[in-house]
Amino acid sequence: MLHQFSRSTVGFIGERDGAHELRLKEAISVLLDLSATVARAYLVRANTGGIAGGVMLGLVTHDKKESGKLALQMDRVFGALFNTEAHLDVVFLDDEGDARIRESCLPFYHDRARYH
């Protein structure tokens, strides 16, 4: 299920890091390497709609049309690694959101230069 968050209800706290998070970041990075859509990815602790400290995946993409499909893929990776009852919040960042999230953490994924 996809949830919409307004800019005003999301506050980024800091990078989410640990053994489990490293596994998730590695699995997501492998999937993102197969696509030319994502420029940067962040795994961050965030406040969303009054809920403090949840985990959120922030993505900066080149193609907004692929957002829904990409969010579902990321959620499936999360479910396969952890608990299929839980879900991963995914937020697609514009330039302003990218700048805001960088104030609290650095991206764990950067797209690689692709030469054809």
PDB file of N, CA and C in Angstrom:
ATOM      1  N   MET A   1       0.832  -1.168   0.000  1.00  0.00           N
ATOM      2  CA  MET A   1       0.000   0.000   0.000  1.00  0.00           C
ATOM      3  C   MET A   1       0.884   1.241   0.000  1.00  0.00           C
ATOM      4  N   LEU A   2       0.581   2.194  -0.857  1.00  0.00           N
ATOM      5  CA  LEU A   2       1.354   3.421  -0.943  1.00  0.00           C
ATOM      6  C   LEU A   2       0.672   4.514  -0.133  1.00  0.00           C
ATOM      7  N   HIS A   3       1.489   5.240   0.649  1.00  0.00           N
ATOM      8  CA  HIS A   3       0.995   6.346   1.458  1.00  0.00           C
ATOM      9  C   HIS A   3       1.588   7.633   0.926  1.00  0.00           C
ATOM     10  N   GLN A   4       0.802   8.686   0.949  1.00  0.00           N
ATOM     11  CA  GLN A   4       1.280  10.005   0.550  1.00  0.00           C
ATOM     12  C   GLN A   4       1.653  10.772   1.809  1.00  0.00           C
ATOM     13  N   PHE A   5       2.792  11.449   1.791  1.00  0.00           N
ATOM     14  CA  PHE A   5       3.211  12.313   2.886  1.00  0.00           C
ATOM     15  C   PHE A   5       3.356  13.714   2.329  1.00  0.00           C
ATOM     16  N   SER A   6       2.838  14.680   3.052  1.00  0.00           N
ATOM     17  CA  SER A   6       3.072  16.052   2.624  1.00  0.00           C
ATOM     18  C   SER A   6       4.422  16.489   3.161  1.00  0.00           C
ATOM     19  N   ARG A   7       5.019  17.451   2.495  1.00  0.00           N
ATOM     20  CA  ARG A   7       6.318  17.957   2.881  1.00  0.00           C
ATOM     21  C   ARG A   7       6.340  18.425   4.329  1.00  0.00           C
ATOM     22  N   SER A   8       5.254  19.025   4.785  1.00  0.00           N
ATOM     23  CA  SER A   8       5.220  19.589   6.129  1.00  0.00           C
ATOM     24  C   SER A   8       5.112  18.529   7.221  1.00  0.00           C
ATOM     25  N   THR A   9       4.709  17.291   6.879  1.00  0.00           N
ATOM     26  CA  THR A   9       4.559  16.259   7.903  1.00  0.00           C
ATOM     27  C   THR A   9       5.767  15.348   8.020  1.00  0.00           C
ATOM     28  N   VAL A  10       6.804  15.565   7.224  1.00  0.00           N
ATOM     29  CA  VAL A  10       7.998  14.715   7.286  1.00  0.00           C
ATOM     30  C   VAL A  10       9.161  15.525   7.814  1.00  0.00           C
ATOM     31  N   GLY A  11       9.779  15.008   8.872  1.00  0.00           N
ATOM     32  CA  GLY A  11      10.990  15.609   9.406  1.00  0.00           C
ATOM     33  C   GLY A  11      12.082  14.557   9.456  1.00  0.00           C
ATOM     34  N   PHE A  12      13.227  14.843   8.896  1.00  0.00           N
ATOM     35  CA  PHE A  12      14.322  13.877   8.853  1.00  0.00           C
ATOM     36  C   PHE A  12      15.199  14.046  10.092  1.00  0.00           C
ATOM     37  N   ILE A  13      15.494  12.944  10.785  1.00  0.00           N
ATOM     38  CA  ILE A  13      16.229  12.983  12.046  1.00  0.00           C
ATOM     39  C   ILE A  13      17.701  12.625  11.846  1.00  0.00           C
ATOM     40  N   GLY A  14      17.992  11.565  11.118  1.00  0.00           N
ATOM     41  CA  GLY A  14      19.370  11.131  10.915  1.00  0.00           C
ATOM     42  C   GLY A  14      19.406   9.779  10.240  1.00  0.00           C
ATOM     43  N   GLU A  15      20.614   9.371   9.863  1.00  0.00           N
ATOM     44  CA  GLU A  15      20.787   8.107   9.149  1.00  0.00           C
ATOM     45  C   GLU A  15      20.415   6.938  10.039  1.00  0.00           C
ATOM     46  N   ARG A  16      19.803   5.953   9.446  1.00  0.00           N
ATOM     47  CA  ARG A  16      19.493   4.703  10.128  1.00  0.00           C
ATOM     48  C   ARG A  16      20.610   3.743   9.770  1.00  0.00           C
ATOM     49  N   ASP A  17      21.344   3.289  10.793  1.00  0.00           N
ATOM     50  CA  ASP A  17      22.532   2.481  10.534  1.00  0.00           C
ATOM     51  C   ASP A  17      22.668   1.393  11.594  1.00  0.00           C
ATOM     52  N   GLY A  18      23.035   0.219  11.169  1.00  0.00           N
ATOM     53  CA  GLY A  18      23.216  -0.940  12.030  1.00  0.00           C
ATOM     54  C   GLY A  18      23.353  -2.169  11.147  1.00  0.00           C
ATOM     55  N   ALA A  19      23.479  -3.330  11.754  1.00  0.00           N
ATOM     56  CA  ALA A  19      23.680  -4.563  10.988  1.00  0.00           C
ATOM     57  C   ALA A  19      22.492  -4.859  10.071  1.00  0.00           C
ATOM     58  N   HIS A  20      21.279  -4.737  10.588  1.00  0.00           N
ATOM     59  CA  HIS A  20      20.092  -5.007   9.776  1.00  0.00           C
ATOM     60  C   HIS A  20      19.946  -3.979   8.656  1.00  0.00           C
ATOM     61  N   GLU A  21      20.212  -2.733   9.003  1.00  0.00           N
ATOM     62  CA  GLU A  21      20.105  -1.672   8.009  1.00  0.00           C
ATOM     63  C   GLU A  21      21.148  -1.832   6.918  1.00  0.00           C
ATOM     64  N   LEU A  22      22.335  -2.303   7.265  1.00  0.00           N
ATOM     65  CA  LEU A  22      23.381  -2.548   6.261  1.00  0.00           C
ATOM     66  C   LEU A  22      22.927  -3.618   5.275  1.00  0.00           C
ATOM     67  N   ARG A  23      22.309  -4.674   5.769  1.00  0.00           N
ATOM     68  CA  ARG A  23      21.771  -5.715   4.880  1.00  0.00           C
ATOM     69  C   ARG A  23      20.732  -5.139   3.933  1.00  0.00           C
ATOM     70  N   LEU A  24      19.851  -4.294   4.472  1.00  0.00           N
ATOM     71  CA  LEU A  24      18.813  -3.678   3.648  1.00  0.00           C
ATOM     72  C   LEU A  24      19.434  -2.757   2.601  1.00  0.00           C
ATOM     73  N   LYS A  25      20.383  -1.944   2.997  1.00  0.00           N
ATOM     74  CA  LYS A  25      21.049  -1.032   2.065  1.00  0.00           C
ATOM     75  C   LYS A  25      21.749  -1.804   0.945  1.00  0.00           C
ATOM     76  N   GLU A  26      22.398  -2.905   1.295  1.00  0.00           N
ATOM     77  CA  GLU A  26      23.079  -3.720   0.275  1.00  0.00           C
ATOM     78  C   GLU A  26      22.076  -4.315  -0.705  1.00  0.00           C
ATOM     79  N   ALA A  27      20.972  -4.854  -0.195  1.00  0.00           N
ATOM     80  CA  ALA A  27      19.958  -5.462  -1.062  1.00  0.00           C
ATOM     81  C   ALA A  27      19.316  -4.410  -1.969  1.00  0.00           C
ATOM     82  N   ILE A  28      19.023  -3.252  -1.415  1.00  0.00           N
ATOM     83  CA  ILE A  28      18.427  -2.177  -2.217  1.00  0.00           C
ATOM     84  C   ILE A  28      19.416  -1.688  -3.263  1.00  0.00           C
ATOM     85  N   SER A  29      20.677  -1.560  -2.899  1.00  0.00           N
ATOM     86  CA  SER A  29      21.705  -1.095  -3.843  1.00  0.00           C
ATOM     87  C   SER A  29      21.827  -2.025  -5.039  1.00  0.00           C
ATOM     88  N   VAL A  30      21.767  -3.332  -4.799  1.00  0.00           N
ATOM     89  CA  VAL A  30      21.830  -4.303  -5.894  1.00  0.00           C
ATOM     90  C   VAL A  30      20.656  -4.087  -6.844  1.00  0.00           C
ATOM     91  N   LEU A  31      19.474  -3.914  -6.295  1.00  0.00           N
ATOM     92  CA  LEU A  31      18.290  -3.682  -7.121  1.00  0.00           C
ATOM     93  C   LEU A  31      18.392  -2.357  -7.880  1.00  0.00           C
ATOM     94  N   LEU A  32      18.872  -1.315  -7.215  1.00  0.00           N
ATOM     95  CA  LEU A  32      18.984  -0.012  -7.852  1.00  0.00           C
ATOM     96  C   LEU A  32      20.031   0.004  -8.961  1.00  0.00           C
ATOM     97  N   ASP A  33      21.071  -0.824  -8.834  1.00  0.00           N
ATOM     98  CA  ASP A  33      22.083  -0.922  -9.886  1.00  0.00           C
ATOM     99  C   ASP A  33      21.500  -1.469 -11.188  1.00  0.00           C
ATOM    100  N   LEU A  34      20.382  -2.168 -11.101  1.00  0.00           N
ATOM    101  CA  LEU A  34      19.740  -2.731 -12.294  1.00  0.00           C
ATOM    102  C   LEU A  34      18.857  -1.725 -13.017  1.00  0.00           C
ATOM    103  N   SER A  35      18.680  -0.564 -12.411  1.00  0.00           N
ATOM    104  CA  SER A  35      17.802   0.462 -12.971  1.00  0.00           C
ATOM    105  C   SER A  35      18.560   1.768 -13.126  1.00  0.00           C
ATOM    106  N   ALA A  36      18.244   2.513 -14.157  1.00  0.00           N
ATOM    107  CA  ALA A  36      18.868   3.823 -14.365  1.00  0.00           C
ATOM    108  C   ALA A  36      18.002   4.939 -13.797  1.00  0.00           C
ATOM    109  N   THR A  37      16.963   4.592 -13.041  1.00  0.00           N
ATOM    110  CA  THR A  37      15.987   5.552 -12.562  1.00  0.00           C
ATOM    111  C   THR A  37      16.442   6.340 -11.337  1.00  0.00           C
ATOM    112  N   VAL A  38      17.139   5.696 -10.390  1.00  0.00           N
ATOM    113  CA  VAL A  38      17.452   6.330  -9.106  1.00  0.00           C
ATOM    114  C   VAL A  38      18.845   6.955  -9.111  1.00  0.00           C
ATOM    115  N   ALA A  39      18.899   8.221  -8.720  1.00  0.00           N
ATOM    116  CA  ALA A  39      20.171   8.945  -8.623  1.00  0.00           C
ATOM    117  C   ALA A  39      20.799   8.761  -7.249  1.00  0.00           C
ATOM    118  N   ARG A  40      19.987   8.874  -6.185  1.00  0.00           N
ATOM    119  CA  ARG A  40      20.478   8.743  -4.820  1.00  0.00           C
ATOM    120  C   ARG A  40      19.422   8.075  -3.955  1.00  0.00           C
ATOM    121  N   ALA A  41      19.887   7.377  -2.912  1.00  0.00           N
ATOM    122  CA  ALA A  41      18.981   6.751  -1.949  1.00  0.00           C
ATOM    123  C   ALA A  41      19.503   6.981  -0.539  1.00  0.00           C
ATOM    124  N   TYR A  42      18.572   7.215   0.379  1.00  0.00           N
ATOM    125  CA  TYR A  42      18.885   7.466   1.783  1.00  0.00           C
ATOM    126  C   TYR A  42      18.036   6.536   2.646  1.00  0.00           C
ATOM    127  N   LEU A  43      18.600   5.999   3.713  1.00  0.00           N
ATOM    128  CA  LEU A  43      17.817   5.290   4.714  1.00  0.00           C
ATOM    129  C   LEU A  43      17.902   6.139   5.975  1.00  0.00           C
ATOM    130  N   VAL A  44      16.773   6.708   6.359  1.00  0.00           N
ATOM    131  CA  VAL A  44      16.782   7.750   7.369  1.00  0.00           C
ATOM    132  C   VAL A  44      15.711   7.513   8.433  1.00  0.00           C
ATOM    133  N   ARG A  45      16.023   7.928   9.655  1.00  0.00           N
ATOM    134  CA  ARG A  45      15.000   7.988  10.694  1.00  0.00           C
ATOM    135  C   ARG A  45      14.203   9.258  10.442  1.00  0.00           C
ATOM    136  N   ALA A  46      12.886   9.158  10.539  1.00  0.00           N
ATOM    137  CA  ALA A  46      12.050  10.311  10.199  1.00  0.00           C
ATOM    138  C   ALA A  46      10.835  10.381  11.099  1.00  0.00           C
ATOM    139  N   ASN A  47      10.348  11.583  11.267  1.00  0.00           N
ATOM    140  CA  ASN A  47       9.052  11.828  11.902  1.00  0.00           C
ATOM    141  C   ASN A  47       8.051  12.016  10.777  1.00  0.00           C
ATOM    142  N   THR A  48       6.997  11.226  10.795  1.00  0.00           N
ATOM    143  CA  THR A  48       5.979  11.353   9.745  1.00  0.00           C
ATOM    144  C   THR A  48       4.607  11.448  10.386  1.00  0.00           C
ATOM    145  N   GLY A  49       3.949  12.550  10.161  1.00  0.00           N
ATOM    146  CA  GLY A  49       2.590  12.720  10.647  1.00  0.00           C
ATOM    147  C   GLY A  49       2.434  12.484  12.135  1.00  0.00           C
ATOM    148  N   GLY A  50       3.402  12.917  12.932  1.00  0.00           N
ATOM    149  CA  GLY A  50       3.315  12.775  14.380  1.00  0.00           C
ATOM    150  C   GLY A  50       3.916  11.485  14.913  1.00  0.00           C
ATOM    151  N   ILE A  51       4.340  10.590  14.048  1.00  0.00           N
ATOM    152  CA  ILE A  51       4.979   9.347  14.484  1.00  0.00           C
ATOM    153  C   ILE A  51       6.489   9.556  14.424  1.00  0.00           C
ATOM    154  N   ALA A  52       7.147   9.437  15.575  1.00  0.00           N
ATOM    155  CA  ALA A  52       8.571   9.757  15.662  1.00  0.00           C
ATOM    156  C   ALA A  52       9.456   8.533  15.463  1.00  0.00           C
ATOM    157  N   GLY A  53      10.561   8.724  14.753  1.00  0.00           N
ATOM    158  CA  GLY A  53      11.612   7.732  14.665  1.00  0.00           C
ATOM    159  C   GLY A  53      11.395   6.563  13.743  1.00  0.00           C
ATOM    160  N   GLY A  54      10.436   6.636  12.848  1.00  0.00           N
ATOM    161  CA  GLY A  54      10.238   5.552  11.885  1.00  0.00           C
ATOM    162  C   GLY A  54      11.340   5.536  10.845  1.00  0.00           C
ATOM    163  N   VAL A  55      11.475   4.422  10.170  1.00  0.00           N
ATOM    164  CA  VAL A  55      12.476   4.294   9.117  1.00  0.00           C
ATOM    165  C   VAL A  55      11.841   4.646   7.785  1.00  0.00           C
ATOM    166  N   MET A  56      12.557   5.431   7.000  1.00  0.00           N
ATOM    167  CA  MET A  56      12.049   5.857   5.704  1.00  0.00           C
ATOM    168  C   MET A  56      13.164   5.743   4.673  1.00  0.00           C
ATOM    169  N   LEU A  57      12.801   5.305   3.483  1.00  0.00           N
ATOM    170  CA  LEU A  57      13.718   5.272   2.360  1.00  0.00           C
ATOM    171  C   LEU A  57      13.427   6.481   1.494  1.00  0.00           C
ATOM    172  N   GLY A  58      14.417   7.348   1.321  1.00  0.00           N
ATOM    173  CA  GLY A  58      14.276   8.523   0.471  1.00  0.00           C
ATOM    174  C   GLY A  58      14.968   8.280  -0.856  1.00  0.00           C
ATOM    175  N   LEU A  59      14.270   8.534  -1.956  1.00  0.00           N
ATOM    176  CA  LEU A  59      14.824   8.300  -3.286  1.00  0.00           C
ATOM    177  C   LEU A  59      14.754   9.569  -4.133  1.00  0.00           C
ATOM    178  N   VAL A  60      15.843   9.857  -4.818  1.00  0.00           N
ATOM    179  CA  VAL A  60      15.883  10.913  -5.827  1.00  0.00           C
ATOM    180  C   VAL A  60      15.922  10.189  -7.160  1.00  0.00           C
ATOM    181  N   THR A  61      14.908  10.431  -7.999  1.00  0.00           N
ATOM    182  CA  THR A  61      14.794   9.676  -9.250  1.00  0.00           C
ATOM    183  C   THR A  61      14.871  10.582 -10.467  1.00  0.00           C
ATOM    184  N   HIS A  62      15.205   9.961 -11.593  1.00  0.00           N
ATOM    185  CA  HIS A  62      15.230  10.654 -12.882  1.00  0.00           C
ATOM    186  C   HIS A  62      13.892  10.550 -13.600  1.00  0.00           C
ATOM    187  N   ASP A  63      13.077   9.553 -13.241  1.00  0.00           N
ATOM    188  CA  ASP A  63      11.822   9.292 -13.942  1.00  0.00           C
ATOM    189  C   ASP A  63      10.693   9.115 -12.934  1.00  0.00           C
ATOM    190  N   LYS A  64       9.894  10.129 -12.744  1.00  0.00           N
ATOM    191  CA  LYS A  64       8.807  10.106 -11.751  1.00  0.00           C
ATOM    192  C   LYS A  64       7.716   9.094 -12.116  1.00  0.00           C
ATOM    193  N   LYS A  65       7.605   8.740 -13.385  1.00  0.00           N
ATOM    194  CA  LYS A  65       6.564   7.797 -13.807  1.00  0.00           C
ATOM    195  C   LYS A  65       6.783   6.408 -13.222  1.00  0.00           C
ATOM    196  N   GLU A  66       8.009   6.073 -12.864  1.00  0.00           N
ATOM    197  CA  GLU A  66       8.332   4.748 -12.332  1.00  0.00           C
ATOM    198  C   GLU A  66       8.200   4.682 -10.807  1.00  0.00           C
ATOM    199  N   SER A  67       7.784   5.756 -10.164  1.00  0.00           N
ATOM    200  CA  SER A  67       7.787   5.849  -8.704  1.00  0.00           C
ATOM    201  C   SER A  67       6.970   4.752  -8.021  1.00  0.00           C
ATOM    202  N   GLY A  68       5.745   4.533  -8.447  1.00  0.00           N
ATOM    203  CA  GLY A  68       4.906   3.525  -7.814  1.00  0.00           C
ATOM    204  C   GLY A  68       5.502   2.127  -7.898  1.00  0.00           C
ATOM    205  N   LYS A  69       5.959   1.773  -9.081  1.00  0.00           N
ATOM    206  CA  LYS A  69       6.576   0.459  -9.295  1.00  0.00           C
ATOM    207  C   LYS A  69       7.837   0.317  -8.442  1.00  0.00           C
ATOM    208  N   LEU A  70       8.633   1.362  -8.398  1.00  0.00           N
ATOM    209  CA  LEU A  70       9.871   1.351  -7.630  1.00  0.00           C
ATOM    210  C   LEU A  70       9.590   1.226  -6.136  1.00  0.00           C
ATOM    211  N   ALA A  71       8.594   1.938  -5.636  1.00  0.00           N
ATOM    212  CA  ALA A  71       8.233   1.856  -4.212  1.00  0.00           C
ATOM    213  C   ALA A  71       7.824   0.437  -3.841  1.00  0.00           C
ATOM    214  N   LEU A  72       7.051  -0.216  -4.690  1.00  0.00           N
ATOM    215  CA  LEU A  72       6.639  -1.591  -4.422  1.00  0.00           C
ATOM    216  C   LEU A  72       7.828  -2.544  -4.416  1.00  0.00           C
ATOM    217  N   GLN A  73       8.777  -2.349  -5.323  1.00  0.00           N
ATOM    218  CA  GLN A  73       9.981  -3.182  -5.348  1.00  0.00           C
ATOM    219  C   GLN A  73      10.779  -3.032  -4.057  1.00  0.00           C
ATOM    220  N   MET A  74      10.922  -1.784  -3.578  1.00  0.00           N
ATOM    221  CA  MET A  74      11.676  -1.530  -2.355  1.00  0.00           C
ATOM    222  C   MET A  74      10.974  -2.161  -1.155  1.00  0.00           C
ATOM    223  N   ASP A  75       9.652  -2.068  -1.122  1.00  0.00           N
ATOM    224  CA  ASP A  75       8.891  -2.649  -0.025  1.00  0.00           C
ATOM    225  C   ASP A  75       9.011  -4.169  -0.021  1.00  0.00           C
ATOM    226  N   ARG A  76       9.061  -4.774  -1.200  1.00  0.00           N
ATOM    227  CA  ARG A  76       9.225  -6.234  -1.288  1.00  0.00           C
ATOM    228  C   ARG A  76      10.596  -6.670  -0.771  1.00  0.00           C
ATOM    229  N   VAL A  77      11.628  -5.900  -1.089  1.00  0.00           N
ATOM    230  CA  VAL A  77      12.966  -6.206  -0.573  1.00  0.00           C
ATOM    231  C   VAL A  77      12.943  -6.152   0.949  1.00  0.00           C
ATOM    232  N   PHE A  78      12.345  -5.113   1.492  1.00  0.00           N
ATOM    233  CA  PHE A  78      12.236  -4.945   2.939  1.00  0.00           C
ATOM    234  C   PHE A  78      11.494  -6.130   3.559  1.00  0.00           C
ATOM    235  N   GLY A  79      10.350  -6.486   2.975  1.00  0.00           N
ATOM    236  CA  GLY A  79       9.554  -7.593   3.493  1.00  0.00           C
ATOM    237  C   GLY A  79      10.282  -8.922   3.441  1.00  0.00           C
ATOM    238  N   ALA A  80      11.055  -9.147   2.387  1.00  0.00           N
ATOM    239  CA  ALA A  80      11.803 -10.395   2.260  1.00  0.00           C
ATOM    240  C   ALA A  80      12.906 -10.501   3.310  1.00  0.00           C
ATOM    241  N   LEU A  81      13.509  -9.386   3.661  1.00  0.00           N
ATOM    242  CA  LEU A  81      14.601  -9.391   4.634  1.00  0.00           C
ATOM    243  C   LEU A  81      14.127  -9.405   6.081  1.00  0.00           C
ATOM    244  N   PHE A  82      12.982  -8.823   6.352  1.00  0.00           N
ATOM    245  CA  PHE A  82      12.568  -8.649   7.735  1.00  0.00           C
ATOM    246  C   PHE A  82      11.232  -9.319   8.020  1.00  0.00           C
ATOM    247  N   ASN A  83      10.160  -8.609   7.926  1.00  0.00           N
ATOM    248  CA  ASN A  83       8.866  -9.118   8.330  1.00  0.00           C
ATOM    249  C   ASN A  83       7.852  -8.700   7.267  1.00  0.00           C
ATOM    250  N   THR A  84       7.202  -9.673   6.675  1.00  0.00           N
ATOM    251  CA  THR A  84       6.271  -9.333   5.592  1.00  0.00           C
ATOM    252  C   THR A  84       5.065  -8.541   6.098  1.00  0.00           C
ATOM    253  N   GLU A  85       4.821  -8.527   7.418  1.00  0.00           N
ATOM    254  CA  GLU A  85       3.721  -7.735   7.978  1.00  0.00           C
ATOM    255  C   GLU A  85       4.093  -6.256   8.064  1.00  0.00           C
ATOM    256  N   ALA A  86       5.369  -5.963   8.166  1.00  0.00           N
ATOM    257  CA  ALA A  86       5.827  -4.573   8.252  1.00  0.00           C
ATOM    258  C   ALA A  86       5.997  -4.011   6.841  1.00  0.00           C
ATOM    259  N   HIS A  87       6.091  -2.695   6.749  1.00  0.00           N
ATOM    260  CA  HIS A  87       6.322  -2.074   5.450  1.00  0.00           C
ATOM    261  C   HIS A  87       7.372  -0.992   5.593  1.00  0.00           C
ATOM    262  N   LEU A  88       7.928  -0.611   4.483  1.00  0.00           N
ATOM    263  CA  LEU A  88       8.946   0.430   4.428  1.00  0.00           C
ATOM    264  C   LEU A  88       8.326   1.666   3.795  1.00  0.00           C
ATOM    265  N   ASP A  89       8.378   2.783   4.506  1.00  0.00           N
ATOM    266  CA  ASP A  89       7.906   4.033   3.924  1.00  0.00           C
ATOM    267  C   ASP A  89       8.933   4.521   2.918  1.00  0.00           C
ATOM    268  N   VAL A  90       8.470   4.860   1.731  1.00  0.00           N
ATOM    269  CA  VAL A  90       9.333   5.358   0.661  1.00  0.00           C
ATOM    270  C   VAL A  90       8.859   6.752   0.291  1.00  0.00           C
ATOM    271  N   VAL A  91       9.789   7.702   0.279  1.00  0.00           N
ATOM    272  CA  VAL A  91       9.457   9.061  -0.120  1.00  0.00           C
ATOM    273  C   VAL A  91      10.326   9.435  -1.311  1.00  0.00           C
ATOM    274  N   PHE A  92       9.698  10.041  -2.318  1.00  0.00           N
ATOM    275  CA  PHE A  92      10.421  10.488  -3.508  1.00  0.00           C
ATOM    276  C   PHE A  92      10.729  11.959  -3.329  1.00  0.00           C
ATOM    277  N   LEU A  93      11.997  12.286  -3.398  1.00  0.00           N
ATOM    278  CA  LEU A  93      12.485  13.617  -3.055  1.00  0.00           C
ATOM    279  C   LEU A  93      12.690  14.493  -4.282  1.00  0.00           C
ATOM    280  N   ASP A  94      12.211  15.715  -4.198  1.00  0.00           N
ATOM    281  CA  ASP A  94      12.538  16.716  -5.203  1.00  0.00           C
ATOM    282  C   ASP A  94      13.833  17.398  -4.746  1.00  0.00           C
ATOM    283  N   ASP A  95      14.260  18.436  -5.437  1.00  0.00           N
ATOM    284  CA  ASP A  95      15.518  19.109  -5.079  1.00  0.00           C
ATOM    285  C   ASP A  95      15.494  19.646  -3.652  1.00  0.00           C
ATOM    286  N   GLU A  96      14.369  20.219  -3.254  1.00  0.00           N
ATOM    287  CA  GLU A  96      14.252  20.758  -1.897  1.00  0.00           C
ATOM    288  C   GLU A  96      14.325  19.645  -0.848  1.00  0.00           C
ATOM    289  N   GLY A  97      13.610  18.549  -1.094  1.00  0.00           N
ATOM    290  CA  GLY A  97      13.639  17.411  -0.176  1.00  0.00           C
ATOM    291  C   GLY A  97      15.020  16.786  -0.094  1.00  0.00           C
ATOM    292  N   ASP A  98      15.701  16.702  -1.226  1.00  0.00           N
ATOM    293  CA  ASP A  98      17.066  16.171  -1.261  1.00  0.00           C
ATOM    294  C   ASP A  98      17.988  17.032  -0.399  1.00  0.00           C
ATOM    295  N   ALA A  99      17.853  18.336  -0.506  1.00  0.00           N
ATOM    296  CA  ALA A  99      18.679  19.243   0.304  1.00  0.00           C
ATOM    297  C   ALA A  99      18.346  19.099   1.788  1.00  0.00           C
ATOM    298  N   ARG A 100      17.065  18.955   2.116  1.00  0.00           N
ATOM    299  CA  ARG A 100      16.650  18.805   3.522  1.00  0.00           C
ATOM    300  C   ARG A 100      17.168  17.513   4.124  1.00  0.00           C
ATOM    301  N   ILE A 101      17.096  16.424   3.377  1.00  0.00           N
ATOM    302  CA  ILE A 101      17.526  15.137   3.937  1.00  0.00           C
ATOM    303  C   ILE A 101      19.045  15.096   4.102  1.00  0.00           C
ATOM    304  N   ARG A 102      19.774  15.780   3.222  1.00  0.00           N
ATOM    305  CA  ARG A 102      21.234  15.830   3.336  1.00  0.00           C
ATOM    306  C   ARG A 102      21.705  16.564   4.582  1.00  0.00           C
ATOM    307  N   GLU A 103      20.835  17.361   5.194  1.00  0.00           N
ATOM    308  CA  GLU A 103      21.179  18.024   6.444  1.00  0.00           C
ATOM    309  C   GLU A 103      21.299  17.026   7.585  1.00  0.00           C
ATOM    310  N   SER A 104      20.650  15.860   7.457  1.00  0.00           N
ATOM    311  CA  SER A 104      20.675  14.878   8.532  1.00  0.00           C
ATOM    312  C   SER A 104      21.429  13.597   8.194  1.00  0.00           C
ATOM    313  N   CYS A 105      21.667  13.320   6.906  1.00  0.00           N
ATOM    314  CA  CYS A 105      22.443  12.123   6.556  1.00  0.00           C
ATOM    315  C   CYS A 105      22.925  12.191   5.111  1.00  0.00           C
ATOM    316  N   LEU A 106      23.883  11.356   4.806  1.00  0.00           N
ATOM    317  CA  LEU A 106      24.400  11.242   3.447  1.00  0.00           C
ATOM    318  C   LEU A 106      23.734  10.064   2.747  1.00  0.00           C
ATOM    319  N   PRO A 107      23.664  10.088   1.426  1.00  0.00           N
ATOM    320  CA  PRO A 107      23.061   8.947   0.714  1.00  0.00           C
ATOM    321  C   PRO A 107      23.924   7.696   0.843  1.00  0.00           C
ATOM    322  N   PHE A 108      23.268   6.543   0.936  1.00  0.00           N
ATOM    323  CA  PHE A 108      24.012   5.282   0.939  1.00  0.00           C
ATOM    324  C   PHE A 108      24.184   4.766  -0.487  1.00  0.00           C
ATOM    325  N   TYR A 109      23.433   5.333  -1.426  1.00  0.00           N
ATOM    326  CA  TYR A 109      23.509   4.897  -2.828  1.00  0.00           C
ATOM    327  C   TYR A 109      23.620   6.117  -3.724  1.00  0.00           C
ATOM    328  N   HIS A 110      24.545   6.051  -4.662  1.00  0.00           N
ATOM    329  CA  HIS A 110      24.691   7.032  -5.742  1.00  0.00           C
ATOM    330  C   HIS A 110      24.675   6.254  -7.037  1.00  0.00           C
ATOM    331  N   ASP A 111      23.970   6.774  -8.047  1.00  0.00           N
ATOM    332  CA  ASP A 111      24.000   6.081  -9.336  1.00  0.00           C
ATOM    333  C   ASP A 111      25.423   6.132  -9.885  1.00  0.00           C
ATOM    334  N   ARG A 112      25.760   5.118 -10.563  1.00  0.00           N
ATOM    335  CA  ARG A 112      27.083   5.048 -11.186  1.00  0.00           C
ATOM    336  C   ARG A 112      27.002   5.600 -12.592  1.00  0.00           C
ATOM    337  N   ALA A 113      28.082   6.184 -13.041  1.00  0.00           N
ATOM    338  CA  ALA A 113      28.106   6.688 -14.412  1.00  0.00           C
ATOM    339  C   ALA A 113      27.925   5.496 -15.351  1.00  0.00           C
ATOM    340  N   ARG A 114      27.014   5.636 -16.262  1.00  0.00           N
ATOM    341  CA  ARG A 114      26.747   4.553 -17.228  1.00  0.00           C
ATOM    342  C   ARG A 114      27.129   5.022 -18.614  1.00  0.00           C
ATOM    343  N   TYR A 115      27.962   4.243 -19.259  1.00  0.00           N
ATOM    344  CA  TYR A 115      28.377   4.572 -20.622  1.00  0.00           C
ATOM    345  C   TYR A 115      27.822   3.518 -21.556  1.00  0.00           C
ATOM    346  N   HIS A 116      27.262   3.964 -22.642  1.00  0.00           N
ATOM    347  CA  HIS A 116      26.639   3.021 -23.600  1.00  0.00           C
ATOM    348  C   HIS A 116      27.531   2.855 -24.807  1.00  0.00           C
TER     349      HIS A 116
END
